[in-house]
Amino acid sequence: MRMDFNQPSPPSEDNRWKMVTAAMRKHGFKAHSLIETLHTVQEVFGYLDETAFHYIAAALRVPLSQVYGVATFYHFFNLKPPGEHTCVLCTGTACFIKGVPEILKAVQDHMRLQLGETTPDNKVSLLSARCVGACGLAPVAVFDGEVAGNLTPADVVNRMQRWMNHDT
């Protein structure tokens, strides 16, 4: 891959870095491409880590603190590798009013899993989102990218327990 003379080299020979570099190149390695670049890293690696922060900061010529600040401000970004399966609980107003606190308590009690955590065997991650845009179905969770609504605490716990009890 031909790099611009003043651009840092990717952190490793992993081909996924070529996609990250291409996303930055598309916007002329300008600071305004920070969010899109972070999205690209998350899409290809599954999460953002310190290596990615340093590379992006150097390539876009922005402070490392800005890269970290943007990554931690938006709930979409993961700073740890996600589990094999993910349950994203919507914590928006409609979902909150219609029962997400009870769902979260049931998951915490039955699964011994807190928001933002992944099970020790890396099978299941429990995440939250401020709103998933399905308020009419509240309370809502997104299971492995699939929105499910009108959930009860038992629905969510049962789904997560099935994940824990199976290899898929």
N, C-alpha and C. Protein backbone atom coordinates (compact mmCIF):
# COMPACT_ATOMS: atom_id res chain seq x y z
N MET A 1 0.85 -1.17 0.00
CA MET A 1 0.00 0.00 0.00
C MET A 1 0.89 1.23 0.00
N ARG A 2 0.62 2.17 -0.89
CA ARG A 2 1.40 3.40 -0.97
C ARG A 2 0.87 4.38 0.06
N MET A 3 1.73 4.85 0.91
CA MET A 3 1.33 5.81 1.95
C MET A 3 1.83 7.19 1.57
N ASP A 4 1.11 8.22 1.99
CA ASP A 4 1.59 9.57 1.82
C ASP A 4 2.85 9.73 2.66
N PHE A 5 3.76 10.55 2.19
CA PHE A 5 5.06 10.68 2.84
C PHE A 5 4.95 11.02 4.32
N ASN A 6 4.03 11.89 4.67
CA ASN A 6 3.93 12.35 6.06
C ASN A 6 2.92 11.58 6.90
N GLN A 7 2.37 10.52 6.37
CA GLN A 7 1.38 9.76 7.12
C GLN A 7 2.05 8.63 7.89
N PRO A 8 1.57 8.36 9.10
CA PRO A 8 2.13 7.25 9.87
C PRO A 8 1.78 5.91 9.22
N SER A 9 2.60 4.93 9.45
CA SER A 9 2.31 3.59 8.95
C SER A 9 1.26 2.95 9.84
N PRO A 10 0.45 2.06 9.27
CA PRO A 10 -0.54 1.35 10.10
C PRO A 10 0.16 0.59 11.22
N PRO A 11 -0.54 0.34 12.32
CA PRO A 11 0.05 -0.32 13.49
C PRO A 11 0.58 -1.73 13.23
N SER A 12 0.03 -2.41 12.23
CA SER A 12 0.48 -3.77 11.94
C SER A 12 0.23 -4.08 10.47
N GLU A 13 0.59 -5.28 10.07
CA GLU A 13 0.37 -5.72 8.69
C GLU A 13 -1.05 -6.23 8.46
N ASP A 14 -1.89 -6.24 9.50
CA ASP A 14 -3.27 -6.70 9.40
C ASP A 14 -3.97 -5.92 8.29
N ASN A 15 -4.53 -6.62 7.33
CA ASN A 15 -5.17 -5.98 6.18
C ASN A 15 -6.34 -5.07 6.54
N ARG A 16 -6.92 -5.26 7.71
CA ARG A 16 -8.04 -4.41 8.11
C ARG A 16 -7.61 -2.95 8.26
N TRP A 17 -6.33 -2.73 8.56
CA TRP A 17 -5.85 -1.35 8.67
C TRP A 17 -5.90 -0.64 7.32
N LYS A 18 -5.85 -1.40 6.22
CA LYS A 18 -5.96 -0.78 4.89
C LYS A 18 -7.32 -0.12 4.72
N MET A 19 -8.37 -0.74 5.26
CA MET A 19 -9.70 -0.15 5.17
C MET A 19 -9.80 1.11 6.02
N VAL A 20 -9.15 1.09 7.16
CA VAL A 20 -9.15 2.27 8.04
C VAL A 20 -8.41 3.41 7.34
N THR A 21 -7.26 3.10 6.79
CA THR A 21 -6.46 4.12 6.10
C THR A 21 -7.23 4.67 4.90
N ALA A 22 -7.93 3.80 4.18
CA ALA A 22 -8.72 4.24 3.02
C ALA A 22 -9.83 5.20 3.44
N ALA A 23 -10.45 4.93 4.58
CA ALA A 23 -11.50 5.83 5.08
C ALA A 23 -10.93 7.21 5.38
N MET A 24 -9.74 7.26 5.95
CA MET A 24 -9.11 8.55 6.24
C MET A 24 -8.65 9.23 4.95
N ARG A 25 -8.08 8.46 4.04
CA ARG A 25 -7.61 9.02 2.77
C ARG A 25 -8.76 9.64 1.98
N LYS A 26 -9.91 8.98 2.02
CA LYS A 26 -11.10 9.46 1.29
C LYS A 26 -11.42 10.91 1.66
N HIS A 27 -11.11 11.29 2.87
CA HIS A 27 -11.38 12.65 3.35
C HIS A 27 -10.11 13.48 3.51
N GLY A 28 -9.05 13.05 2.84
CA GLY A 28 -7.81 13.83 2.86
C GLY A 28 -7.12 13.86 4.20
N PHE A 29 -7.32 12.84 5.01
CA PHE A 29 -6.71 12.77 6.34
C PHE A 29 -7.02 14.03 7.15
N LYS A 30 -8.26 14.51 7.01
CA LYS A 30 -8.70 15.72 7.72
C LYS A 30 -9.39 15.34 9.03
N ALA A 31 -9.30 16.22 9.99
CA ALA A 31 -9.88 15.98 11.32
C ALA A 31 -11.39 15.72 11.26
N HIS A 32 -12.07 16.30 10.29
CA HIS A 32 -13.53 16.13 10.22
C HIS A 32 -13.94 14.69 9.92
N SER A 33 -12.99 13.83 9.57
CA SER A 33 -13.33 12.43 9.30
C SER A 33 -13.16 11.54 10.53
N LEU A 34 -12.98 12.14 11.69
CA LEU A 34 -12.74 11.37 12.91
C LEU A 34 -13.85 10.38 13.22
N ILE A 35 -15.10 10.81 13.22
CA ILE A 35 -16.19 9.90 13.58
C ILE A 35 -16.31 8.78 12.54
N GLU A 36 -16.22 9.12 11.27
CA GLU A 36 -16.31 8.09 10.23
C GLU A 36 -15.16 7.09 10.37
N THR A 37 -13.98 7.59 10.70
CA THR A 37 -12.83 6.70 10.88
C THR A 37 -13.04 5.78 12.08
N LEU A 38 -13.55 6.31 13.17
CA LEU A 38 -13.84 5.47 14.34
C LEU A 38 -14.88 4.40 13.99
N HIS A 39 -15.90 4.78 13.23
CA HIS A 39 -16.89 3.79 12.78
C HIS A 39 -16.23 2.70 11.95
N THR A 40 -15.33 3.08 11.08
CA THR A 40 -14.64 2.10 10.24
C THR A 40 -13.83 1.13 11.09
N VAL A 41 -13.09 1.65 12.06
CA VAL A 41 -12.31 0.78 12.94
C VAL A 41 -13.23 -0.20 13.66
N GLN A 42 -14.34 0.32 14.18
CA GLN A 42 -15.26 -0.57 14.90
C GLN A 42 -15.86 -1.61 13.97
N GLU A 43 -16.19 -1.22 12.75
CA GLU A 43 -16.77 -2.18 11.80
C GLU A 43 -15.79 -3.30 11.48
N VAL A 44 -14.52 -2.98 11.30
CA VAL A 44 -13.57 -4.01 10.87
C VAL A 44 -12.92 -4.77 12.02
N PHE A 45 -12.80 -4.15 13.19
CA PHE A 45 -12.18 -4.82 14.33
C PHE A 45 -13.18 -5.22 15.41
N GLY A 46 -14.37 -4.61 15.41
CA GLY A 46 -15.39 -4.94 16.41
C GLY A 46 -15.36 -4.05 17.63
N TYR A 47 -14.30 -3.29 17.80
CA TYR A 47 -14.17 -2.40 18.95
C TYR A 47 -13.00 -1.44 18.70
N LEU A 48 -12.87 -0.45 19.58
CA LEU A 48 -11.79 0.53 19.50
C LEU A 48 -10.82 0.29 20.64
N ASP A 49 -9.54 0.33 20.35
CA ASP A 49 -8.56 0.16 21.42
C ASP A 49 -7.50 1.26 21.35
N GLU A 50 -6.58 1.21 22.28
CA GLU A 50 -5.55 2.24 22.38
C GLU A 50 -4.70 2.33 21.12
N THR A 51 -4.40 1.20 20.51
CA THR A 51 -3.63 1.19 19.26
C THR A 51 -4.35 1.99 18.19
N ALA A 52 -5.64 1.77 18.06
CA ALA A 52 -6.43 2.50 17.07
C ALA A 52 -6.45 4.00 17.39
N PHE A 53 -6.62 4.35 18.66
CA PHE A 53 -6.64 5.76 19.05
C PHE A 53 -5.35 6.46 18.63
N HIS A 54 -4.23 5.83 18.92
CA HIS A 54 -2.93 6.44 18.59
C HIS A 54 -2.75 6.60 17.08
N TYR A 55 -3.10 5.58 16.33
CA TYR A 55 -2.95 5.64 14.87
C TYR A 55 -3.85 6.72 14.28
N ILE A 56 -5.10 6.76 14.70
CA ILE A 56 -6.04 7.75 14.18
C ILE A 56 -5.59 9.16 14.54
N ALA A 57 -5.19 9.37 15.78
CA ALA A 57 -4.74 10.69 16.21
C ALA A 57 -3.56 11.16 15.36
N ALA A 58 -2.60 10.28 15.14
CA ALA A 58 -1.42 10.67 14.34
C ALA A 58 -1.80 10.92 12.89
N ALA A 59 -2.62 10.05 12.31
CA ALA A 59 -2.96 10.17 10.89
C ALA A 59 -3.84 11.39 10.61
N LEU A 60 -4.75 11.71 11.52
CA LEU A 60 -5.65 12.84 11.31
C LEU A 60 -5.10 14.13 11.93
N ARG A 61 -3.98 13.99 12.60
CA ARG A 61 -3.34 15.14 13.25
C ARG A 61 -4.28 15.84 14.23
N VAL A 62 -4.89 15.04 15.10
CA VAL A 62 -5.74 15.56 16.16
C VAL A 62 -5.19 15.05 17.49
N PRO A 63 -5.47 15.76 18.57
CA PRO A 63 -4.98 15.29 19.87
C PRO A 63 -5.57 13.93 20.23
N LEU A 64 -4.77 13.11 20.86
CA LEU A 64 -5.23 11.81 21.33
C LEU A 64 -6.45 11.97 22.24
N SER A 65 -6.45 13.01 23.05
CA SER A 65 -7.59 13.26 23.95
C SER A 65 -8.88 13.49 23.19
N GLN A 66 -8.80 14.10 22.00
CA GLN A 66 -10.00 14.33 21.19
C GLN A 66 -10.53 13.00 20.65
N VAL A 67 -9.64 12.14 20.18
CA VAL A 67 -10.06 10.84 19.67
C VAL A 67 -10.74 10.06 20.78
N TYR A 68 -10.11 10.01 21.94
CA TYR A 68 -10.68 9.29 23.08
C TYR A 68 -12.00 9.92 23.52
N GLY A 69 -12.06 11.25 23.54
CA GLY A 69 -13.27 11.96 23.95
C GLY A 69 -14.45 11.64 23.06
N VAL A 70 -14.24 11.63 21.76
CA VAL A 70 -15.32 11.30 20.82
C VAL A 70 -15.74 9.85 20.99
N ALA A 71 -14.76 8.95 21.12
CA ALA A 71 -15.06 7.52 21.24
C ALA A 71 -15.84 7.21 22.51
N THR A 72 -15.56 7.92 23.58
CA THR A 72 -16.26 7.65 24.84
C THR A 72 -17.57 8.43 24.97
N PHE A 73 -17.73 9.48 24.20
CA PHE A 73 -18.97 10.27 24.25
C PHE A 73 -20.13 9.51 23.62
N TYR A 74 -19.88 8.90 22.48
CA TYR A 74 -20.94 8.21 21.75
C TYR A 74 -21.05 6.77 22.22
N HIS A 75 -22.25 6.37 22.60
CA HIS A 75 -22.47 5.02 23.12
C HIS A 75 -22.32 3.93 22.07
N PHE A 76 -22.33 4.31 20.79
CA PHE A 76 -22.21 3.32 19.73
C PHE A 76 -20.86 2.61 19.77
N PHE A 77 -19.84 3.30 20.24
CA PHE A 77 -18.49 2.75 20.19
C PHE A 77 -18.20 1.84 21.37
N ASN A 78 -17.56 0.71 21.08
CA ASN A 78 -17.15 -0.25 22.11
C ASN A 78 -15.65 -0.12 22.33
N LEU A 79 -15.26 -0.07 23.59
CA LEU A 79 -13.84 0.03 23.92
C LEU A 79 -13.25 -1.30 24.35
N LYS A 80 -14.08 -2.32 24.33
CA LYS A 80 -13.63 -3.68 24.64
C LYS A 80 -14.19 -4.60 23.57
N PRO A 81 -13.52 -5.71 23.32
CA PRO A 81 -14.09 -6.65 22.35
C PRO A 81 -15.46 -7.14 22.83
N PRO A 82 -16.45 -7.12 21.95
CA PRO A 82 -17.77 -7.59 22.36
C PRO A 82 -17.79 -9.11 22.47
N GLY A 83 -18.80 -9.61 23.16
CA GLY A 83 -18.98 -11.05 23.25
C GLY A 83 -19.47 -11.61 21.92
N GLU A 84 -19.57 -12.90 21.87
CA GLU A 84 -20.07 -13.58 20.67
C GLU A 84 -21.49 -13.11 20.34
N HIS A 85 -22.27 -12.83 21.39
CA HIS A 85 -23.64 -12.32 21.24
C HIS A 85 -23.75 -11.01 22.00
N THR A 86 -24.59 -10.10 21.50
CA THR A 86 -24.80 -8.84 22.20
C THR A 86 -26.28 -8.57 22.41
N CYS A 87 -26.57 -8.07 23.59
CA CYS A 87 -27.91 -7.60 23.94
C CYS A 87 -27.75 -6.12 24.27
N VAL A 88 -28.37 -5.27 23.46
CA VAL A 88 -28.32 -3.83 23.68
C VAL A 88 -29.69 -3.39 24.17
N LEU A 89 -29.76 -2.97 25.43
CA LEU A 89 -31.01 -2.50 26.00
C LEU A 89 -31.19 -1.02 25.68
N CYS A 90 -32.36 -0.68 25.18
CA CYS A 90 -32.68 0.72 24.93
C CYS A 90 -33.03 1.37 26.27
N THR A 91 -32.38 2.50 26.56
CA THR A 91 -32.64 3.20 27.81
C THR A 91 -33.31 4.55 27.57
N GLY A 92 -33.90 4.70 26.39
CA GLY A 92 -34.64 5.93 26.08
C GLY A 92 -35.86 6.07 26.97
N THR A 93 -36.47 7.24 26.90
CA THR A 93 -37.59 7.56 27.79
C THR A 93 -38.73 6.55 27.69
N ALA A 94 -39.18 6.23 26.48
CA ALA A 94 -40.31 5.29 26.34
C ALA A 94 -39.96 3.93 26.92
N CYS A 95 -38.77 3.44 26.62
CA CYS A 95 -38.36 2.13 27.13
C CYS A 95 -38.19 2.16 28.65
N PHE A 96 -37.65 3.26 29.14
CA PHE A 96 -37.46 3.39 30.58
C PHE A 96 -38.81 3.33 31.29
N ILE A 97 -39.77 4.10 30.79
CA ILE A 97 -41.10 4.15 31.41
C ILE A 97 -41.80 2.79 31.31
N LYS A 98 -41.59 2.08 30.22
CA LYS A 98 -42.31 0.82 29.98
C LYS A 98 -41.58 -0.42 30.51
N GLY A 99 -40.49 -0.24 31.27
CA GLY A 99 -39.96 -1.41 31.95
C GLY A 99 -38.50 -1.79 31.82
N VAL A 100 -37.68 -0.97 31.17
CA VAL A 100 -36.27 -1.35 31.05
C VAL A 100 -35.58 -1.47 32.41
N PRO A 101 -35.89 -0.63 33.41
CA PRO A 101 -35.23 -0.84 34.71
C PRO A 101 -35.49 -2.24 35.28
N GLU A 102 -36.71 -2.76 35.11
CA GLU A 102 -37.03 -4.10 35.60
C GLU A 102 -36.30 -5.17 34.79
N ILE A 103 -36.18 -4.94 33.48
CA ILE A 103 -35.44 -5.88 32.63
C ILE A 103 -33.98 -5.90 33.05
N LEU A 104 -33.40 -4.73 33.25
CA LEU A 104 -32.00 -4.66 33.66
C LEU A 104 -31.77 -5.35 35.00
N LYS A 105 -32.68 -5.13 35.95
CA LYS A 105 -32.54 -5.78 37.26
C LYS A 105 -32.60 -7.30 37.12
N ALA A 106 -33.51 -7.80 36.28
CA ALA A 106 -33.63 -9.25 36.08
C ALA A 106 -32.36 -9.82 35.45
N VAL A 107 -31.80 -9.12 34.48
CA VAL A 107 -30.56 -9.58 33.85
C VAL A 107 -29.42 -9.58 34.86
N GLN A 108 -29.35 -8.51 35.65
CA GLN A 108 -28.30 -8.44 36.67
C GLN A 108 -28.44 -9.55 37.71
N ASP A 109 -29.68 -9.82 38.14
CA ASP A 109 -29.93 -10.85 39.15
C ASP A 109 -29.70 -12.26 38.62
N HIS A 110 -30.21 -12.55 37.42
CA HIS A 110 -30.15 -13.91 36.89
C HIS A 110 -28.87 -14.22 36.12
N MET A 111 -28.33 -13.24 35.46
CA MET A 111 -27.15 -13.47 34.63
C MET A 111 -25.86 -12.99 35.30
N ARG A 112 -25.98 -12.24 36.38
CA ARG A 112 -24.82 -11.68 37.07
C ARG A 112 -23.97 -10.86 36.10
N LEU A 113 -24.67 -10.03 35.33
CA LEU A 113 -24.03 -9.23 34.29
C LEU A 113 -24.50 -7.79 34.41
N GLN A 114 -23.55 -6.87 34.45
CA GLN A 114 -23.86 -5.44 34.54
C GLN A 114 -23.75 -4.81 33.15
N LEU A 115 -24.39 -3.65 32.97
CA LEU A 115 -24.28 -2.93 31.71
C LEU A 115 -22.82 -2.68 31.38
N GLY A 116 -22.47 -2.92 30.12
CA GLY A 116 -21.10 -2.70 29.67
C GLY A 116 -20.19 -3.88 29.89
N GLU A 117 -20.70 -4.94 30.47
CA GLU A 117 -19.86 -6.11 30.76
C GLU A 117 -20.10 -7.23 29.75
N THR A 118 -19.12 -8.11 29.70
CA THR A 118 -19.19 -9.32 28.89
C THR A 118 -18.96 -10.50 29.83
N THR A 119 -19.66 -11.59 29.60
CA THR A 119 -19.49 -12.77 30.44
C THR A 119 -18.04 -13.25 30.37
N PRO A 120 -17.55 -13.90 31.43
CA PRO A 120 -16.15 -14.36 31.45
C PRO A 120 -15.78 -15.27 30.27
N ASP A 121 -16.74 -16.00 29.73
CA ASP A 121 -16.45 -16.88 28.60
C ASP A 121 -16.59 -16.15 27.25
N ASN A 122 -16.82 -14.84 27.30
CA ASN A 122 -16.97 -14.00 26.10
C ASN A 122 -18.16 -14.39 25.22
N LYS A 123 -19.16 -15.03 25.79
CA LYS A 123 -20.34 -15.41 24.99
C LYS A 123 -21.33 -14.26 24.84
N VAL A 124 -21.55 -13.46 25.90
CA VAL A 124 -22.61 -12.47 25.88
C VAL A 124 -22.13 -11.13 26.44
N SER A 125 -22.45 -10.06 25.70
CA SER A 125 -22.20 -8.70 26.18
C SER A 125 -23.54 -8.02 26.41
N LEU A 126 -23.64 -7.26 27.50
CA LEU A 126 -24.83 -6.49 27.82
C LEU A 126 -24.48 -5.02 27.65
N LEU A 127 -25.11 -4.37 26.69
CA LEU A 127 -24.82 -2.98 26.38
C LEU A 127 -26.10 -2.16 26.48
N SER A 128 -25.97 -0.85 26.38
CA SER A 128 -27.15 0.01 26.37
C SER A 128 -27.01 1.04 25.27
N ALA A 129 -28.15 1.57 24.86
CA ALA A 129 -28.20 2.65 23.89
C ALA A 129 -29.23 3.66 24.39
N ARG A 130 -28.97 4.92 24.14
CA ARG A 130 -29.90 5.94 24.62
C ARG A 130 -31.25 5.84 23.94
N CYS A 131 -31.28 5.43 22.69
CA CYS A 131 -32.54 5.23 21.97
C CYS A 131 -32.23 4.44 20.71
N VAL A 132 -33.03 3.44 20.40
CA VAL A 132 -32.82 2.68 19.17
C VAL A 132 -33.87 3.03 18.12
N GLY A 133 -34.75 3.98 18.44
CA GLY A 133 -35.70 4.47 17.46
C GLY A 133 -36.90 3.56 17.21
N ALA A 134 -37.24 2.75 18.19
CA ALA A 134 -38.39 1.86 18.06
C ALA A 134 -39.32 2.07 19.26
N CYS A 135 -39.60 3.32 19.56
CA CYS A 135 -40.35 3.68 20.77
C CYS A 135 -41.73 3.04 20.84
N GLY A 136 -42.36 2.82 19.70
CA GLY A 136 -43.68 2.20 19.67
C GLY A 136 -43.68 0.75 20.13
N LEU A 137 -42.49 0.14 20.19
CA LEU A 137 -42.35 -1.25 20.62
C LEU A 137 -41.81 -1.37 22.04
N ALA A 138 -41.69 -0.26 22.74
CA ALA A 138 -41.05 -0.24 24.06
C ALA A 138 -41.70 -1.24 25.02
N PRO A 139 -40.86 -1.86 25.86
CA PRO A 139 -39.41 -1.77 25.94
C PRO A 139 -38.73 -2.63 24.86
N VAL A 140 -37.57 -2.13 24.42
CA VAL A 140 -36.89 -2.72 23.28
C VAL A 140 -35.47 -3.12 23.65
N ALA A 141 -35.01 -4.20 23.00
CA ALA A 141 -33.61 -4.60 23.05
C ALA A 141 -33.20 -5.00 21.64
N VAL A 142 -31.93 -4.92 21.38
CA VAL A 142 -31.40 -5.35 20.09
C VAL A 142 -30.52 -6.57 20.37
N PHE A 143 -30.96 -7.72 19.88
CA PHE A 143 -30.24 -8.97 20.07
C PHE A 143 -29.45 -9.28 18.81
N ASP A 144 -28.14 -9.23 18.90
CA ASP A 144 -27.29 -9.51 17.73
C ASP A 144 -27.75 -8.75 16.49
N GLY A 145 -28.09 -7.49 16.67
CA GLY A 145 -28.47 -6.65 15.55
C GLY A 145 -29.93 -6.69 15.17
N GLU A 146 -30.73 -7.53 15.84
CA GLU A 146 -32.15 -7.67 15.53
C GLU A 146 -32.99 -7.04 16.64
N VAL A 147 -33.83 -6.07 16.26
CA VAL A 147 -34.67 -5.37 17.23
C VAL A 147 -35.82 -6.27 17.67
N ALA A 148 -36.03 -6.32 18.98
CA ALA A 148 -37.16 -7.05 19.56
C ALA A 148 -37.87 -6.12 20.52
N GLY A 149 -39.20 -6.09 20.44
CA GLY A 149 -39.96 -5.17 21.26
C GLY A 149 -40.99 -5.83 22.14
N ASN A 150 -41.64 -4.98 22.95
CA ASN A 150 -42.66 -5.42 23.90
C ASN A 150 -42.13 -6.52 24.80
N LEU A 151 -40.90 -6.33 25.26
CA LEU A 151 -40.19 -7.35 26.02
C LEU A 151 -40.56 -7.35 27.49
N THR A 152 -40.47 -8.52 28.09
CA THR A 152 -40.60 -8.66 29.54
C THR A 152 -39.21 -9.01 30.07
N PRO A 153 -39.01 -8.87 31.36
CA PRO A 153 -37.73 -9.30 31.92
C PRO A 153 -37.43 -10.77 31.59
N ALA A 154 -38.44 -11.62 31.65
CA ALA A 154 -38.23 -13.05 31.35
C ALA A 154 -37.80 -13.26 29.90
N ASP A 155 -38.36 -12.48 28.96
CA ASP A 155 -37.97 -12.61 27.55
C ASP A 155 -36.47 -12.40 27.38
N VAL A 156 -35.97 -11.35 28.00
CA VAL A 156 -34.56 -11.01 27.82
C VAL A 156 -33.66 -12.02 28.53
N VAL A 157 -33.99 -12.37 29.75
CA VAL A 157 -33.20 -13.35 30.49
C VAL A 157 -33.18 -14.69 29.76
N ASN A 158 -34.34 -15.14 29.28
CA ASN A 158 -34.40 -16.42 28.56
C ASN A 158 -33.53 -16.41 27.31
N ARG A 159 -33.59 -15.32 26.56
CA ARG A 159 -32.78 -15.22 25.34
C ARG A 159 -31.28 -15.29 25.68
N MET A 160 -30.89 -14.58 26.69
CA MET A 160 -29.47 -14.57 27.08
C MET A 160 -29.05 -15.93 27.63
N GLN A 161 -29.92 -16.59 28.39
CA GLN A 161 -29.59 -17.91 28.91
C GLN A 161 -29.45 -18.93 27.78
N ARG A 162 -30.28 -18.82 26.74
CA ARG A 162 -30.13 -19.71 25.58
C ARG A 162 -28.75 -19.52 24.93
N TRP A 163 -28.32 -18.27 24.84
CA TRP A 163 -26.98 -18.02 24.28
C TRP A 163 -25.90 -18.67 25.14
N MET A 164 -26.08 -18.57 26.45
CA MET A 164 -25.07 -19.11 27.37
C MET A 164 -25.03 -20.64 27.32
N ASN A 165 -26.16 -21.26 27.03
CA ASN A 165 -26.25 -22.71 27.05
C ASN A 165 -25.95 -23.38 25.72
N HIS A 166 -25.69 -22.59 24.68
CA HIS A 166 -25.42 -23.14 23.37
C HIS A 166 -24.12 -22.57 22.81
N ASP A 167 -23.54 -23.28 21.90
CA ASP A 167 -22.29 -22.82 21.29
C ASP A 167 -22.53 -21.84 20.16
N THR A 168 -23.79 -21.63 19.76
CA THR A 168 -24.07 -20.68 18.68
C THR A 168 -24.81 -19.48 19.19
